[in-house]
C-alpha atoms as a PDB file:
ATOM      1  CA  MET A   1      12.006   2.458  -3.007  1.00  0.00           C
ATOM      2  CA  LEU A   2      11.137  -1.193  -1.778  1.00  0.00           C
ATOM      3  CA  ASP A   3       9.815   0.426   1.523  1.00  0.00           C
ATOM      4  CA  VAL A   4       7.750   2.956  -0.372  1.00  0.00           C
ATOM      5  CA  LEU A   5       6.340   0.343  -2.597  1.00  0.00           C
ATOM      6  CA  SER A   6       5.650  -1.774   0.614  1.00  0.00           C
ATOM      7  CA  LYS A   7       3.995   1.257   2.374  1.00  0.00           C
ATOM      8  CA  LEU A   8       1.823   1.815  -0.842  1.00  0.00           C
ATOM      9  CA  ALA A   9       0.729  -1.617  -1.528  1.00  0.00           C
ATOM     10  CA  VAL A  10      -0.434  -1.881   2.007  1.00  0.00           C
ATOM     11  CA  LYS A  11      -2.752   1.297   2.037  1.00  0.00           C
ATOM     12  CA  LEU A  12      -3.863  -0.061  -1.229  1.00  0.00           C
ATOM     13  CA  LYS A  13      -5.004  -3.216  -0.057  1.00  0.00           C
ATOM     14  CA  PRO A  14      -8.625  -2.290   0.723  1.00  0.00           C
ATOM     15  CA  LEU A  15      -9.128  -1.143  -2.930  1.00  0.00           C
ATOM     16  CA  GLN A  16      -7.969  -4.819  -4.516  1.00  0.00           C
ATOM     17  CA  LYS A  17     -11.400  -6.017  -4.424  1.00  0.00           C
ATOM     18  CA  LEU A  18     -13.069  -3.191  -6.061  1.00  0.00           C
ATOM     19  CA  SER A  19     -10.302  -3.157  -8.709  1.00  0.00           C
ATOM     20  CA  TYR A  20     -11.226  -6.806  -9.393  1.00  0.00           C
ATOM     21  CA  VAL A  21     -14.805  -6.078 -10.091  1.00  0.00           C
ATOM     22  CA  LEU A  22     -13.596  -3.041 -12.570  1.00  0.00           C
ATOM     23  CA  ILE A  23     -11.491  -5.440 -14.295  1.00  0.00           C
ATOM     24  CA  ALA A  24     -14.482  -7.742 -14.938  1.00  0.00           C
ATOM     25  CA  ILE A  25     -16.891  -5.340 -16.285  1.00  0.00           C
ATOM     26  CA  LEU A  26     -14.189  -3.733 -18.192  1.00  0.00           C
ATOM     27  CA  ALA A  27     -13.588  -7.270 -19.850  1.00  0.00           C
ATOM     28  CA  ALA A  28     -17.201  -7.580 -20.214  1.00  0.00           C
ATOM     29  CA  ILE A  29     -17.027  -4.572 -22.273  1.00  0.00           C
ATOM     30  CA  ILE A  30     -14.181  -5.410 -24.475  1.00  0.00           C
ATOM     31  CA  ILE A  31     -15.675  -8.700 -25.106  1.00  0.00           C
ATOM     32  CA  PHE A  32     -19.009  -7.192 -25.994  1.00  0.00           C
ATOM     33  CA  GLN A  33     -17.505  -4.672 -28.218  1.00  0.00           C
ATOM     34  CA  LEU A  34     -15.492  -6.855 -29.971  1.00  0.00           C
ATOM     35  CA  ASN A  35     -18.292  -9.417 -30.687  1.00  0.00           C
ATOM     36  CA  GLN A  36     -20.579  -6.764 -32.289  1.00  0.00           C
ATOM     37  CA  PRO A  37     -21.115  -7.322 -35.914  1.00  0.00           C
ATOM     38  CA  SER A  38     -19.220  -5.063 -38.209  1.00  0.00           C
ATOM     39  CA  SER A  39     -22.170  -3.034 -39.405  1.00  0.00           C
ATOM     40  CA  LEU A  40     -22.977  -2.098 -35.956  1.00  0.00           C
ATOM     41  CA  GLN A  41     -19.927  -0.720 -34.857  1.00  0.00           C
ATOM     42  CA  THR A  42     -18.903   2.987 -34.819  1.00  0.00           C
ATOM     43  CA  ASP A  43     -15.833   4.791 -34.010  1.00  0.00           C
ATOM     44  CA  LYS A  44     -17.396   5.536 -30.612  1.00  0.00           C
ATOM     45  CA  SER A  45     -17.886   1.640 -29.652  1.00  0.00           C
ATOM     46  CA  ASN A  46     -14.292   1.241 -30.822  1.00  0.00           C
ATOM     47  CA  SER A  47     -13.015   3.969 -28.439  1.00  0.00           C
ATOM     48  CA  TYR A  48     -15.046   2.063 -25.489  1.00  0.00           C
ATOM     49  CA  ALA A  49     -13.279  -1.016 -26.172  1.00  0.00           C
ATOM     50  CA  PHE A  50     -10.040   0.811 -26.666  1.00  0.00           C
ATOM     51  CA  PHE A  51     -10.125   2.697 -23.374  1.00  0.00           C
ATOM     52  CA  SER A  52     -11.452  -0.151 -21.512  1.00  0.00           C
ATOM     53  CA  PHE A  53      -8.081  -2.191 -22.648  1.00  0.00           C
ATOM     54  CA  LEU A  54      -6.162   0.559 -21.365  1.00  0.00           C
ATOM     55  CA  THR A  55      -7.899   0.753 -18.250  1.00  0.00           C
ATOM     56  CA  CYS A  56      -7.508  -2.804 -17.723  1.00  0.00           C
ATOM     57  CA  ILE A  57      -3.571  -2.879 -18.196  1.00  0.00           C
ATOM     58  CA  TRP A  58      -3.639  -0.058 -15.545  1.00  0.00           C
ATOM     59  CA  LEU A  59      -5.662  -1.886 -13.190  1.00  0.00           C
ATOM     60  CA  LEU A  60      -3.371  -5.096 -13.644  1.00  0.00           C
ATOM     61  CA  LEU A  61      -0.654  -3.261 -12.833  1.00  0.00           C
ATOM     62  CA  PHE A  62      -2.250  -1.780  -9.714  1.00  0.00           C
ATOM     63  CA  ASN A  63      -2.969  -5.714  -8.382  1.00  0.00           C
ATOM     64  CA  LEU A  64       0.477  -6.699  -9.482  1.00  0.00           C
ATOM     65  CA  LEU A  65       1.881  -4.094  -7.134  1.00  0.00           C
ATOM     66  CA  ILE A  66      -0.346  -4.978  -4.151  1.00  0.00           C
ATOM     67  CA  ALA A  67       0.165  -8.646  -4.968  1.00  0.00           C
ATOM     68  CA  ILE A  68       4.100  -8.453  -4.808  1.00  0.00           C
ATOM     69  CA  PHE A  69       4.744  -5.939  -2.315  1.00  0.00           C
ATOM     70  CA  ASP A  70       2.360  -6.653   0.148  1.00  0.00           C
ATOM     71  CA  ASN A  71       4.494  -8.936   2.319  1.00  0.00           C
ATOM     72  CA  VAL A  72       8.271  -7.458   1.981  1.00  0.00           C
ATOM     73  CA  PRO A  73      10.430  -9.076   4.693  1.00  0.00           C
ATOM     74  CA  ALA A  74      11.559  -6.542   7.279  1.00  0.00           C
ATOM     75  CA  ILE A  75      15.174  -5.287   7.288  1.00  0.00           C
ATOM     76  CA  SER A  76      17.323  -8.125   9.372  1.00  0.00           C
ATOM     77  CA  SER A  77      18.730  -7.289  12.783  1.00  0.00           C
ATOM     78  CA  ASP A  78      21.991  -8.006  13.805  1.00  0.00           C
ATOM     79  CA  LYS A  79      20.720 -10.144  16.801  1.00  0.00           C
ATOM     80  CA  GLN A  80      19.619 -13.283  14.263  1.00  0.00           C
ATOM     81  CA  ALA A  81      21.651 -15.959  13.357  1.00  0.00           C
ATOM     82  CA  ILE A  82      23.914 -15.798  10.234  1.00  0.00           C
ATOM     83  CA  PHE A  83      21.874 -17.942   8.226  1.00  0.00           C
ATOM     84  CA  SER A  84      18.469 -16.116   9.125  1.00  0.00           C
ATOM     85  CA  ARG A  85      20.721 -12.693   8.195  1.00  0.00           C
ATOM     86  CA  ILE A  86      21.642 -14.056   4.734  1.00  0.00           C
ATOM     87  CA  LYS A  87      18.394 -15.681   4.198  1.00  0.00           C
ATOM     88  CA  SER A  88      16.755 -12.135   4.628  1.00  0.00           C
ATOM     89  CA  LYS A  89      19.116 -10.209   2.706  1.00  0.00           C
ATOM     90  CA  VAL A  90      18.722 -12.379  -0.241  1.00  0.00           C
ATOM     91  CA  ARG A  91      14.804 -12.333  -0.085  1.00  0.00           C
ATOM     92  CA  ARG A  92      15.071  -8.660   0.072  1.00  0.00           C
ATOM     93  CA  GLY A  93      17.730  -8.693  -2.995  1.00  0.00           C
ATOM     94  CA  PHE A  94      14.739 -10.606  -4.630  1.00  0.00           C
ATOM     95  CA  TYR A  95      12.312  -7.802  -3.892  1.00  0.00           C
ATOM     96  CA  HIS A  96      14.385  -5.167  -5.056  1.00  0.00           C
ATOM     97  CA  PHE A  97      15.015  -6.903  -8.287  1.00  0.00           C
ATOM     98  CA  LEU A  98      10.986  -7.073  -8.325  1.00  0.00           C
ATOM     99  CA  ALA A  99      11.041  -3.481  -7.664  1.00  0.00           C
ATOM    100  CA  LEU A 100      13.274  -2.468 -10.536  1.00  0.00           C
ATOM    101  CA  LEU A 101      11.167  -4.736 -12.923  1.00  0.00           C
ATOM    102  CA  PHE A 102       7.985  -2.983 -11.646  1.00  0.00           C
ATOM    103  CA  VAL A 103       9.108   0.608 -11.932  1.00  0.00           C
ATOM    104  CA  ALA A 104      10.410  -0.447 -15.370  1.00  0.00           C
ATOM    105  CA  LEU A 105       7.091  -1.659 -16.410  1.00  0.00           C
ATOM    106  CA  THR A 106       5.109   1.300 -14.891  1.00  0.00           C
ATOM    107  CA  LEU A 107       7.311   3.151 -17.377  1.00  0.00           C
ATOM    108  CA  ILE A 108       6.627   1.265 -20.521  1.00  0.00           C
ATOM    109  CA  ILE A 109       2.952   1.307 -19.712  1.00  0.00           C
ATOM    110  CA  ILE A 110       2.865   4.900 -19.287  1.00  0.00           C
ATOM    111  CA  PHE A 111       5.085   5.204 -22.673  1.00  0.00           C
ATOM    112  CA  LEU A 112       2.355   3.014 -24.400  1.00  0.00           C
ATOM    113  CA  SER A 113      -0.676   4.850 -22.659  1.00  0.00           C
ATOM    114  CA  ILE A 114       0.756   8.296 -24.175  1.00  0.00           C
ATOM    115  CA  ARG A 115       1.691   6.925 -27.483  1.00  0.00           C
ATOM    116  CA  MET A 116      -2.147   4.948 -27.654  1.00  0.00           C
ATOM    117  CA  LEU A 117      -3.731   8.300 -26.512  1.00  0.00           C
ATOM    118  CA  ARG A 118      -2.073  10.272 -29.249  1.00  0.00           C
ATOM    119  CA  LEU A 119      -3.816   8.397 -31.951  1.00  0.00           C
END
């Protein structure tokens, strides 16, 4: 699982700057929609803010994937010193823990997206 997330993060790395731009645009849409007077707000404008917020959550998860799993340490070889192997195993264990948290967070966001889109 850790190797799959690492390979995915490396392949998606070129799209990270585009996701930052999209997050800024969506945040501006949300702020603009929330700052409108209540007399000008419609259900359509509220849905724009709603979908913008949902898209921001997914883009933040995308950026989290790239930021965390871009530099996963390689599997230690037997030719290293014992302390280097232990250090590498501890670091990979920490990345395994982060991978489990990432998968759990993804499942929670999927669940929330389904609930929010049902209205």
